[in-house]
Amino acid sequence: MDISLSEQRALWRRWAQGMAGGILALDTLLSLQWGPTQLFGPRPLAPIQNLILGVPEQTSLASWLATSVLVGLLMLHGFLALAESRERPPLTERPGFGRKPRLAWLRVYQQVQVTTGVLLVPLVMLYVYTLFQSPPNLDAGSWDQRLTSLGSRMLYVMLVPVLLLHALLGLGRLICRWFPGNAQGLFHRRWSLALGSASLVLMVASVLSVVRSVPAPLS
């Protein structure tokens, strides 16, 4: 099926949005804390946390670079999602975007993903604000003792489930869109491109997760 140049650009914009979102989601899942004293949540970005909290600890250059890449991917993913044109043709007329869902739960799936993405913006901003107002006690063992204000605890409890839900829903939607068997997908019958894109997401997310855990050299 021949598509116009504008439609091709729209497809590759969605590919870039999915690529950035996939890397962010996998990095979040790879950074989960499973300790009994930790709430089920992602590991914080160490350099940004140290900057906010004023922690006098050195952070490795590799960790700073990895964090910068993640922040850049986050900005790219958010920008492409917010800048998407609202004057769009029906789903059945958009190549690569999938047919109009016939089942109600598919529509709910998409709406929940969009809603969680929108909720993340105020939750993150408010959570960071509470950290500035009430710096955590880093010597505490559990998350509820580490967070010193009621507001930061409540926001953290709301933020983590929303973040994980958005990440999991986004990964599921990305797999469906990139699956070569999807006749309306970007990689229809293009197994090499689909596997290459998926491998790139896995590789970048794994490398960033490992690099961010590299300790700083002792002075």
Protein backbone atom coordinates (compact mmCIF):
# COMPACT_ATOMS: atom_id res chain seq x y z
CA MET A 1 0.00 0.00 0.00
CA ASP A 2 1.42 3.33 -1.11
CA ILE A 3 1.35 6.08 1.48
CA SER A 4 2.17 9.74 1.21
CA LEU A 5 5.25 11.44 2.60
CA SER A 6 3.28 13.01 5.45
CA GLU A 7 1.92 9.60 6.43
CA GLN A 8 5.44 8.15 6.37
CA ARG A 9 6.63 10.91 8.67
CA ALA A 10 3.72 10.23 11.01
CA LEU A 11 4.65 6.54 11.12
CA TRP A 12 8.28 7.23 11.92
CA ARG A 13 7.29 9.77 14.57
CA ARG A 14 5.21 7.05 16.20
CA TRP A 15 8.16 4.66 15.83
CA ALA A 16 10.46 7.14 17.62
CA GLN A 17 7.85 7.65 20.34
CA GLY A 18 7.53 3.90 20.82
CA MET A 19 11.29 3.41 20.81
CA ALA A 20 11.81 6.03 23.52
CA GLY A 21 8.86 4.78 25.56
CA GLY A 22 10.00 1.17 25.27
CA ILE A 23 13.48 1.98 26.54
CA LEU A 24 12.08 3.99 29.45
CA ALA A 25 9.59 1.26 30.36
CA LEU A 26 12.20 -1.50 30.30
CA ASP A 27 14.63 0.59 32.33
CA THR A 28 11.88 1.11 34.91
CA LEU A 29 11.13 -2.61 35.10
CA LEU A 30 14.83 -3.52 35.25
CA SER A 31 15.28 -1.07 38.14
CA LEU A 32 12.59 -2.51 40.39
CA GLN A 33 13.43 -2.95 44.06
CA TRP A 34 12.36 -6.30 45.48
CA GLY A 35 13.64 -5.87 49.03
CA PRO A 36 11.19 -6.53 51.89
CA THR A 37 11.67 -3.00 53.22
CA GLN A 38 11.15 -1.36 49.84
CA LEU A 39 7.86 -0.43 48.25
CA PHE A 40 7.41 -2.09 44.87
CA GLY A 41 8.89 0.74 42.85
CA PRO A 42 11.71 1.78 40.52
CA ARG A 43 15.19 2.70 41.61
CA PRO A 44 15.60 6.50 41.64
CA LEU A 45 17.86 8.25 39.17
CA ALA A 46 20.91 8.71 41.36
CA PRO A 47 22.40 11.91 39.84
CA ILE A 48 19.07 13.73 39.79
CA GLN A 49 18.27 12.53 43.29
CA ASN A 50 21.62 13.78 44.57
CA LEU A 51 21.06 17.13 42.87
CA ILE A 52 17.59 17.53 44.41
CA LEU A 53 18.55 16.35 47.87
CA GLY A 54 22.01 17.88 47.97
CA VAL A 55 23.64 14.54 48.79
CA PRO A 56 27.40 15.07 49.07
CA GLU A 57 28.17 11.84 47.23
CA GLN A 58 30.08 11.56 44.03
CA THR A 59 28.33 10.06 41.03
CA SER A 60 30.22 8.38 38.23
CA LEU A 61 30.43 10.07 34.85
CA ALA A 62 28.88 6.99 33.25
CA SER A 63 25.86 7.27 35.54
CA TRP A 64 25.46 10.96 34.69
CA LEU A 65 25.61 10.19 30.95
CA ALA A 66 23.07 7.37 31.27
CA THR A 67 20.74 9.59 33.27
CA SER A 68 21.07 12.35 30.67
CA VAL A 69 20.11 9.88 27.95
CA LEU A 70 17.06 8.75 29.94
CA VAL A 71 15.95 12.33 30.56
CA GLY A 72 16.36 13.08 26.86
CA LEU A 73 14.30 10.02 25.93
CA LEU A 74 11.65 11.06 28.44
CA MET A 75 11.41 14.53 26.91
CA LEU A 76 11.28 13.08 23.38
CA HIS A 77 8.58 10.58 24.32
CA GLY A 78 6.47 13.22 26.05
CA PHE A 79 6.92 15.77 23.28
CA LEU A 80 5.88 13.37 20.53
CA ALA A 81 2.88 12.26 22.54
CA LEU A 82 1.70 15.80 23.30
CA ALA A 83 2.54 17.19 19.85
CA GLU A 84 0.55 14.53 18.01
CA SER A 85 -2.02 16.14 15.76
CA ARG A 86 -5.55 16.08 17.12
CA GLU A 87 -7.05 16.39 13.63
CA ARG A 88 -6.52 12.80 12.60
CA PRO A 89 -8.41 10.55 10.20
CA PRO A 90 -10.27 7.50 11.50
CA LEU A 91 -8.13 4.63 12.75
CA THR A 92 -9.11 2.50 9.76
CA GLU A 93 -7.56 5.08 7.43
CA ARG A 94 -4.26 5.45 9.29
CA PRO A 95 -1.62 2.99 8.03
CA GLY A 96 0.40 1.44 10.80
CA PHE A 97 -1.83 2.68 13.59
CA GLY A 98 -4.10 -0.37 13.63
CA ARG A 99 -7.74 -0.77 12.78
CA LYS A 100 -10.49 0.74 14.87
CA PRO A 101 -10.90 -1.51 17.91
CA ARG A 102 -13.98 -3.68 17.71
CA LEU A 103 -13.90 -4.65 21.37
CA ALA A 104 -14.67 -2.15 24.09
CA TRP A 105 -11.78 -3.32 26.24
CA LEU A 106 -9.30 -2.34 23.54
CA ARG A 107 -10.59 1.21 23.64
CA VAL A 108 -10.40 1.17 27.44
CA TYR A 109 -6.83 -0.12 27.16
CA GLN A 110 -5.79 2.84 25.03
CA GLN A 111 -7.63 5.36 27.18
CA VAL A 112 -6.06 4.03 30.38
CA GLN A 113 -2.60 4.25 28.84
CA VAL A 114 -3.15 7.86 27.77
CA THR A 115 -4.67 8.77 31.13
CA THR A 116 -1.78 7.30 33.13
CA GLY A 117 0.69 9.16 30.93
CA VAL A 118 -1.09 12.44 31.59
CA LEU A 119 -1.27 11.74 35.34
CA LEU A 120 2.47 11.15 35.54
CA VAL A 121 3.23 14.80 34.76
CA PRO A 122 1.57 16.42 37.82
CA LEU A 123 2.46 13.49 40.10
CA VAL A 124 6.16 13.74 39.31
CA MET A 125 6.19 17.52 39.65
CA LEU A 126 4.37 17.42 42.99
CA TYR A 127 6.57 14.60 44.27
CA VAL A 128 9.75 16.49 43.41
CA TYR A 129 8.31 19.58 45.09
CA THR A 130 7.69 17.64 48.32
CA LEU A 131 11.29 16.39 48.24
CA PHE A 132 12.51 19.98 48.08
CA GLN A 133 10.25 20.98 50.96
CA SER A 134 10.94 17.93 53.14
CA PRO A 135 14.25 16.24 52.24
CA PRO A 136 14.13 12.49 52.91
CA ASN A 137 16.10 10.75 55.62
CA LEU A 138 18.55 8.71 53.54
CA ASP A 139 19.77 6.77 56.56
CA ALA A 140 16.37 5.16 57.09
CA GLY A 141 15.89 1.58 55.98
CA SER A 142 12.33 1.50 54.67
CA TRP A 143 10.71 3.79 52.15
CA ASP A 144 8.02 5.11 54.55
CA GLN A 145 10.69 6.14 57.08
CA ARG A 146 12.91 7.60 54.37
CA LEU A 147 10.16 9.94 53.18
CA THR A 148 9.74 12.47 55.98
CA SER A 149 6.45 14.11 54.97
CA LEU A 150 2.94 12.74 54.60
CA GLY A 151 2.59 14.42 51.21
CA SER A 152 5.66 12.74 49.75
CA ARG A 153 4.51 9.34 51.03
CA MET A 154 1.05 9.74 49.52
CA LEU A 155 2.44 10.95 46.20
CA TYR A 156 4.98 8.11 46.08
CA VAL A 157 2.26 5.53 46.71
CA MET A 158 0.21 7.03 43.85
CA LEU A 159 3.16 7.62 41.52
CA VAL A 160 4.66 4.13 41.50
CA PRO A 161 1.51 2.19 40.46
CA VAL A 162 0.67 4.76 37.77
CA LEU A 163 4.23 4.60 36.43
CA LEU A 164 4.30 0.81 36.34
CA LEU A 165 0.85 0.58 34.77
CA HIS A 166 1.77 3.08 32.06
CA ALA A 167 5.02 1.22 31.36
CA LEU A 168 3.38 -2.20 31.11
CA LEU A 169 0.50 -0.97 28.96
CA GLY A 170 2.93 0.88 26.71
CA LEU A 171 5.09 -2.21 26.22
CA GLY A 172 2.04 -4.30 25.36
CA ARG A 173 0.84 -1.76 22.85
CA LEU A 174 4.31 -1.44 21.37
CA ILE A 175 4.57 -5.20 20.86
CA CYS A 176 1.24 -5.24 19.05
CA ARG A 177 2.19 -2.35 16.80
CA TRP A 178 5.61 -3.75 15.93
CA PHE A 179 4.47 -7.34 15.44
CA PRO A 180 5.17 -8.26 11.79
CA GLY A 181 1.95 -10.24 11.61
CA ASN A 182 -0.09 -7.05 12.13
CA ALA A 183 -1.33 -6.09 8.68
CA GLN A 184 -1.72 -2.48 9.81
CA GLY A 185 1.59 -2.35 11.66
CA LEU A 186 4.74 -0.50 10.77
CA PHE A 187 6.72 -3.71 10.25
CA HIS A 188 4.15 -5.81 8.39
CA ARG A 189 6.03 -8.82 7.00
CA ARG A 190 9.32 -7.13 7.85
CA TRP A 191 10.71 -9.48 10.46
CA SER A 192 14.25 -8.16 10.22
CA LEU A 193 13.18 -4.57 10.94
CA ALA A 194 10.87 -5.65 13.76
CA LEU A 195 13.48 -7.84 15.43
CA GLY A 196 16.14 -5.18 14.90
CA SER A 197 14.02 -2.47 16.57
CA ALA A 198 13.08 -4.76 19.46
CA SER A 199 16.72 -5.78 19.94
CA LEU A 200 17.77 -2.13 19.96
CA VAL A 201 15.24 -1.33 22.68
CA LEU A 202 16.40 -4.27 24.81
CA MET A 203 20.08 -3.48 24.31
CA VAL A 204 19.82 0.24 25.10
CA ALA A 205 17.63 -0.32 28.17
CA SER A 206 19.96 -3.02 29.51
CA VAL A 207 23.09 -0.94 28.93
CA LEU A 208 21.58 2.12 30.60
CA SER A 209 20.45 0.08 33.60
CA VAL A 210 23.92 -1.43 34.03
CA VAL A 211 25.78 1.84 33.46
CA ARG A 212 23.69 3.69 36.03
CA SER A 213 24.76 1.19 38.66
CA VAL A 214 28.48 1.82 38.12
CA PRO A 215 29.86 3.32 41.34
CA ALA A 216 31.86 6.50 41.36
CA PRO A 217 35.63 6.20 41.80
CA LEU A 218 36.91 6.73 45.29
CA SER A 219 38.64 10.07 45.81
